[in-house]
Each structure stands twice: as structure tokens, then as C-alpha cells.
Amino acid sequence: MPTNNQLVGAAGVHFVAAALNYHDLHAAPTIRNVPGVDLIVSDRQGLKSAAIQMKTAKWASRPALKSDSKGLDRYEWDNHFVENHSPSLFYAFVDLKHFEELPVVFLIPSEIVSTYYTESGRKREDWPRPRFHVNEEFLEPFRNNYRGLIDFLTQ
């Protein structure tokens, strides 16, 4: 059966919204198929908010490349080229793992994602199909770690 990318994306949005609600935050999905923000999140009182752009894959984990000298596995998501960032913008990269186990969420501040692209030395026109593909070592501090967003919203 062919993949419906809109439903895969919706699964990621709702999974992350549920996790954020569990962490005592308000999380509301935005209107689907609108570019940009997929979730608006606020502290319990609604005094401070953040935006989350979602990237969801049915299975994002990839085996290590032979060219990787460390032999580290990697993850990959289709993504748009990120040049700008904001302290109130986060990216949630979700690996649904075909729901054979619990999905994994990598919640990363937009500045770190933007730096990834700018340090690659490639320009937007060089990447007709940009992908965020990074090794496990890079992603590990963000694995199911909501602390950065919680701290942003509560300080």
C-alpha cells in the first residue's frame, strides 16, 4: 500500500503533542498543509509560547555508511533548507519506527538545525531535495529530550 505522507506527518504531530501534554505543556496542532509551524506549544498558564516544525518519517534510522570512519548509524528526514532560526522555533524530527516500538522524537532548537545547513557549505540551489541526515552521536542529546523546550517555556 502506498504511503500517504500527510497521514505520516499527522501521526508525528499528534504523537509529539501527546508527549508535550504529558510534560504539562499545552500543545495545539495548526492547520495542516500550511507551510511552517505544525505545533504551537505554551506553558501551563499560556504566558510563553514556542513553535515546532515537524519532520516525520515512517522509519528514519539508516545503517552506517561504509564511508563513515566511526561506523555510526544515522537518521534521515526530508527537510526544507533551513537558513533562519529563532529562539522560539524548534524542530521535532520523529522516527515512527513503523510503530513496531515507541517512536523516537529528536527535539532540536532551530539554531542548531540552521547551523547544520550553513556549516555544510551548500547553498539552497545546490540541494534540490534537502535532507537532514545526521549520525546517532549528533542526535543522542536530543533523543526524547524535551528539557530544552520546557526550560525555554518556563524561564
C-alpha atoms as a PDB file:
ATOM      1  CA  MET A   1       0.000   0.000   0.000  1.00  0.00           C
ATOM      2  CA  PRO A   2       1.456   3.402  -0.939  1.00  0.00           C
ATOM      3  CA  THR A   3       2.482   5.774   1.821  1.00  0.00           C
ATOM      4  CA  ASN A   4       0.239   8.750   2.495  1.00  0.00           C
ATOM      5  CA  ASN A   5       2.773  11.346   3.623  1.00  0.00           C
ATOM      6  CA  GLN A   6       0.075  13.602   5.053  1.00  0.00           C
ATOM      7  CA  LEU A   7      -1.081  10.847   7.397  1.00  0.00           C
ATOM      8  CA  VAL A   8       2.510  10.025   8.379  1.00  0.00           C
ATOM      9  CA  GLY A   9       3.032  13.707   9.203  1.00  0.00           C
ATOM     10  CA  ALA A  10      -0.217  13.843  11.183  1.00  0.00           C
ATOM     11  CA  ALA A  11       0.863  10.785  13.189  1.00  0.00           C
ATOM     12  CA  GLY A  12       4.092  12.578  14.145  1.00  0.00           C
ATOM     13  CA  VAL A  13       2.278  15.785  15.084  1.00  0.00           C
ATOM     14  CA  HIS A  14      -0.197  14.004  17.339  1.00  0.00           C
ATOM     15  CA  PHE A  15       2.454  11.799  18.938  1.00  0.00           C
ATOM     16  CA  VAL A  16       4.589  14.832  19.842  1.00  0.00           C
ATOM     17  CA  ALA A  17       1.539  16.805  21.016  1.00  0.00           C
ATOM     18  CA  ALA A  18       0.644  13.929  23.356  1.00  0.00           C
ATOM     19  CA  ALA A  19       4.196  13.803  24.735  1.00  0.00           C
ATOM     20  CA  LEU A  20       4.200  17.573  25.326  1.00  0.00           C
ATOM     21  CA  ASN A  21       0.821  17.380  27.089  1.00  0.00           C
ATOM     22  CA  TYR A  22       2.306  14.667  29.291  1.00  0.00           C
ATOM     23  CA  HIS A  23       5.098  17.112  30.187  1.00  0.00           C
ATOM     24  CA  ASP A  24       2.468  19.604  31.410  1.00  0.00           C
ATOM     25  CA  LEU A  25       2.571  21.849  28.333  1.00  0.00           C
ATOM     26  CA  HIS A  26      -0.240  22.952  26.055  1.00  0.00           C
ATOM     27  CA  ALA A  27       0.328  21.701  22.505  1.00  0.00           C
ATOM     28  CA  ALA A  28      -2.052  22.516  19.674  1.00  0.00           C
ATOM     29  CA  PRO A  29      -1.649  21.367  16.066  1.00  0.00           C
ATOM     30  CA  THR A  30      -2.004  24.103  13.470  1.00  0.00           C
ATOM     31  CA  ILE A  31      -3.969  23.844  10.251  1.00  0.00           C
ATOM     32  CA  ARG A  32      -2.494  21.036   8.139  1.00  0.00           C
ATOM     33  CA  ASN A  33      -0.907  21.669   4.739  1.00  0.00           C
ATOM     34  CA  VAL A  34       0.142  25.186   5.696  1.00  0.00           C
ATOM     35  CA  PRO A  35       3.891  25.759   5.363  1.00  0.00           C
ATOM     36  CA  GLY A  36       5.814  26.404   8.533  1.00  0.00           C
ATOM     37  CA  VAL A  37       4.720  25.677  12.051  1.00  0.00           C
ATOM     38  CA  ASP A  38       2.962  22.386  12.843  1.00  0.00           C
ATOM     39  CA  LEU A  39       2.543  22.740  16.619  1.00  0.00           C
ATOM     40  CA  ILE A  40       2.132  25.735  18.896  1.00  0.00           C
ATOM     41  CA  VAL A  41       3.245  24.995  22.454  1.00  0.00           C
ATOM     42  CA  SER A  42       2.858  27.072  25.596  1.00  0.00           C
ATOM     43  CA  ASP A  43       3.488  26.805  29.299  1.00  0.00           C
ATOM     44  CA  ARG A  44       0.562  25.849  31.502  1.00  0.00           C
ATOM     45  CA  GLN A  45      -0.501  29.467  32.067  1.00  0.00           C
ATOM     46  CA  GLY A  46      -0.189  30.394  28.377  1.00  0.00           C
ATOM     47  CA  LEU A  47       2.318  33.147  29.187  1.00  0.00           C
ATOM     48  CA  LYS A  48       5.105  31.976  26.872  1.00  0.00           C
ATOM     49  CA  SER A  49       4.916  30.021  23.638  1.00  0.00           C
ATOM     50  CA  ALA A  50       7.084  28.312  21.050  1.00  0.00           C
ATOM     51  CA  ALA A  51       6.576  26.958  17.561  1.00  0.00           C
ATOM     52  CA  ILE A  52       7.531  23.484  16.384  1.00  0.00           C
ATOM     53  CA  GLN A  53       8.142  22.464  12.793  1.00  0.00           C
ATOM     54  CA  MET A  54       7.710  18.704  12.423  1.00  0.00           C
ATOM     55  CA  LYS A  55       9.567  16.277  10.193  1.00  0.00           C
ATOM     56  CA  THR A  56       8.268  12.728  10.425  1.00  0.00           C
ATOM     57  CA  ALA A  57       9.467   9.524   8.815  1.00  0.00           C
ATOM     58  CA  LYS A  58       7.913   6.070   8.974  1.00  0.00           C
ATOM     59  CA  TRP A  59      11.426   4.730   9.626  1.00  0.00           C
ATOM     60  CA  ALA A  60      14.270   7.298   9.758  1.00  0.00           C
ATOM     61  CA  SER A  61      17.066   5.037  11.011  1.00  0.00           C
ATOM     62  CA  ARG A  62      19.668   4.065   8.426  1.00  0.00           C
ATOM     63  CA  PRO A  63      22.672   1.761   8.747  1.00  0.00           C
ATOM     64  CA  ALA A  64      26.136   3.283   8.914  1.00  0.00           C
ATOM     65  CA  LEU A  65      27.706   4.250   5.612  1.00  0.00           C
ATOM     66  CA  LYS A  66      30.910   2.484   4.643  1.00  0.00           C
ATOM     67  CA  SER A  67      32.496   5.933   4.324  1.00  0.00           C
ATOM     68  CA  ASP A  68      31.707   6.745   7.985  1.00  0.00           C
ATOM     69  CA  SER A  69      35.008   6.196   9.766  1.00  0.00           C
ATOM     70  CA  LYS A  70      33.226   5.841  13.132  1.00  0.00           C
ATOM     71  CA  GLY A  71      30.753   3.284  11.787  1.00  0.00           C
ATOM     72  CA  LEU A  72      27.818   5.160  13.314  1.00  0.00           C
ATOM     73  CA  ASP A  73      24.255   4.576  12.270  1.00  0.00           C
ATOM     74  CA  ARG A  74      22.421   7.625  11.019  1.00  0.00           C
ATOM     75  CA  TYR A  75      18.939   9.086  10.683  1.00  0.00           C
ATOM     76  CA  GLU A  76      17.412  10.798   7.687  1.00  0.00           C
ATOM     77  CA  TRP A  77      14.386  13.023   7.093  1.00  0.00           C
ATOM     78  CA  ASP A  78      13.338  15.028   4.083  1.00  0.00           C
ATOM     79  CA  ASN A  79      13.515  18.670   5.024  1.00  0.00           C
ATOM     80  CA  HIS A  80      13.399  22.116   3.551  1.00  0.00           C
ATOM     81  CA  PHE A  81      16.609  24.124   3.539  1.00  0.00           C
ATOM     82  CA  VAL A  82      16.874  25.981   6.844  1.00  0.00           C
ATOM     83  CA  GLU A  83      18.651  29.305   6.859  1.00  0.00           C
ATOM     84  CA  ASN A  84      16.818  31.257   9.528  1.00  0.00           C
ATOM     85  CA  HIS A  85      16.269  30.465  13.138  1.00  0.00           C
ATOM     86  CA  SER A  86      14.608  31.871  16.216  1.00  0.00           C
ATOM     87  CA  PRO A  87      14.926  31.097  19.923  1.00  0.00           C
ATOM     88  CA  SER A  88      11.204  30.259  19.929  1.00  0.00           C
ATOM     89  CA  LEU A  89      11.375  27.838  16.979  1.00  0.00           C
ATOM     90  CA  PHE A  90      12.166  24.166  17.468  1.00  0.00           C
ATOM     91  CA  TYR A  91      12.275  21.207  15.107  1.00  0.00           C
ATOM     92  CA  ALA A  92      10.855  17.832  16.057  1.00  0.00           C
ATOM     93  CA  PHE A  93      12.347  15.041  13.968  1.00  0.00           C
ATOM     94  CA  VAL A  94      10.180  11.984  14.540  1.00  0.00           C
ATOM     95  CA  ASP A  95      11.049   8.392  13.719  1.00  0.00           C
ATOM     96  CA  LEU A  96       7.772   6.466  13.896  1.00  0.00           C
ATOM     97  CA  LYS A  97       9.669   3.135  13.692  1.00  0.00           C
ATOM     98  CA  HIS A  98       6.622   1.718  11.895  1.00  0.00           C
ATOM     99  CA  PHE A  99       5.076   1.697  15.386  1.00  0.00           C
ATOM    100  CA  GLU A 100       6.848  -1.620  15.953  1.00  0.00           C
ATOM    101  CA  GLU A 101       8.160   0.110  19.067  1.00  0.00           C
ATOM    102  CA  LEU A 102       7.618   3.545  20.544  1.00  0.00           C
ATOM    103  CA  PRO A 103       8.516   6.356  18.149  1.00  0.00           C
ATOM    104  CA  VAL A 104      11.586   8.458  18.877  1.00  0.00           C
ATOM    105  CA  VAL A 105      11.479  12.252  18.938  1.00  0.00           C
ATOM    106  CA  PHE A 106      14.533  14.459  18.498  1.00  0.00           C
ATOM    107  CA  LEU A 107      13.511  17.956  19.632  1.00  0.00           C
ATOM    108  CA  ILE A 108      16.191  20.359  18.401  1.00  0.00           C
ATOM    109  CA  PRO A 109      16.400  24.175  18.656  1.00  0.00           C
ATOM    110  CA  SER A 110      16.211  25.774  15.198  1.00  0.00           C
ATOM    111  CA  GLU A 111      19.611  27.433  15.621  1.00  0.00           C
ATOM    112  CA  ILE A 112      21.304  24.020  15.723  1.00  0.00           C
ATOM    113  CA  VAL A 113      19.453  22.839  12.602  1.00  0.00           C
ATOM    114  CA  SER A 114      20.280  26.097  10.805  1.00  0.00           C
ATOM    115  CA  THR A 115      23.953  25.720  11.751  1.00  0.00           C
ATOM    116  CA  TYR A 116      23.944  22.191  10.334  1.00  0.00           C
ATOM    117  CA  TYR A 117      22.940  23.546   6.930  1.00  0.00           C
ATOM    118  CA  THR A 118      25.177  26.621   6.922  1.00  0.00           C
ATOM    119  CA  GLU A 119      28.236  24.640   8.030  1.00  0.00           C
ATOM    120  CA  SER A 120      27.642  22.134   5.235  1.00  0.00           C
ATOM    121  CA  GLY A 121      28.821  24.847   2.838  1.00  0.00           C
ATOM    122  CA  ARG A 122      25.985  24.113   0.441  1.00  0.00           C
ATOM    123  CA  LYS A 123      23.501  26.689  -0.751  1.00  0.00           C
ATOM    124  CA  ARG A 124      19.767  26.280  -1.258  1.00  0.00           C
ATOM    125  CA  GLU A 125      20.178  25.977  -5.034  1.00  0.00           C
ATOM    126  CA  ASP A 126      22.660  23.110  -4.518  1.00  0.00           C
ATOM    127  CA  TRP A 127      20.045  20.991  -2.740  1.00  0.00           C
ATOM    128  CA  PRO A 128      17.017  20.302  -4.920  1.00  0.00           C
ATOM    129  CA  ARG A 129      15.860  17.801  -2.256  1.00  0.00           C
ATOM    130  CA  PRO A 130      17.416  18.753   1.084  1.00  0.00           C
ATOM    131  CA  ARG A 131      17.615  16.080   3.738  1.00  0.00           C
ATOM    132  CA  PHE A 132      18.527  16.274   7.372  1.00  0.00           C
ATOM    133  CA  HIS A 133      20.794  13.266   7.736  1.00  0.00           C
ATOM    134  CA  VAL A 134      22.965  13.067  10.796  1.00  0.00           C
ATOM    135  CA  ASN A 135      24.639  10.339  12.784  1.00  0.00           C
ATOM    136  CA  GLU A 136      23.407   8.975  16.092  1.00  0.00           C
ATOM    137  CA  GLU A 137      26.195  10.705  18.011  1.00  0.00           C
ATOM    138  CA  PHE A 138      24.939  14.138  16.914  1.00  0.00           C
ATOM    139  CA  LEU A 139      21.312  13.317  17.732  1.00  0.00           C
ATOM    140  CA  GLU A 140      21.772  11.466  21.024  1.00  0.00           C
ATOM    141  CA  PRO A 141      21.495  14.534  23.329  1.00  0.00           C
ATOM    142  CA  PHE A 142      18.103  15.325  21.754  1.00  0.00           C
ATOM    143  CA  ARG A 143      16.595  11.807  21.866  1.00  0.00           C
ATOM    144  CA  ASN A 144      13.215  12.059  23.623  1.00  0.00           C
ATOM    145  CA  ASN A 145      14.633  15.088  25.452  1.00  0.00           C
ATOM    146  CA  TYR A 146      12.034  17.797  25.994  1.00  0.00           C
ATOM    147  CA  ARG A 147      14.122  19.679  28.584  1.00  0.00           C
ATOM    148  CA  GLY A 148      15.310  22.441  26.187  1.00  0.00           C
ATOM    149  CA  LEU A 149      11.750  23.348  25.218  1.00  0.00           C
ATOM    150  CA  ILE A 150      10.475  23.052  28.786  1.00  0.00           C
ATOM    151  CA  ASP A 151      13.276  25.325  30.033  1.00  0.00           C
ATOM    152  CA  PHE A 152      12.572  27.843  27.236  1.00  0.00           C
ATOM    153  CA  LEU A 153       8.893  27.993  28.166  1.00  0.00           C
ATOM    154  CA  THR A 154       9.328  28.125  31.935  1.00  0.00           C
ATOM    155  CA  GLN A 155      12.163  30.635  32.335  1.00  0.00           C
END
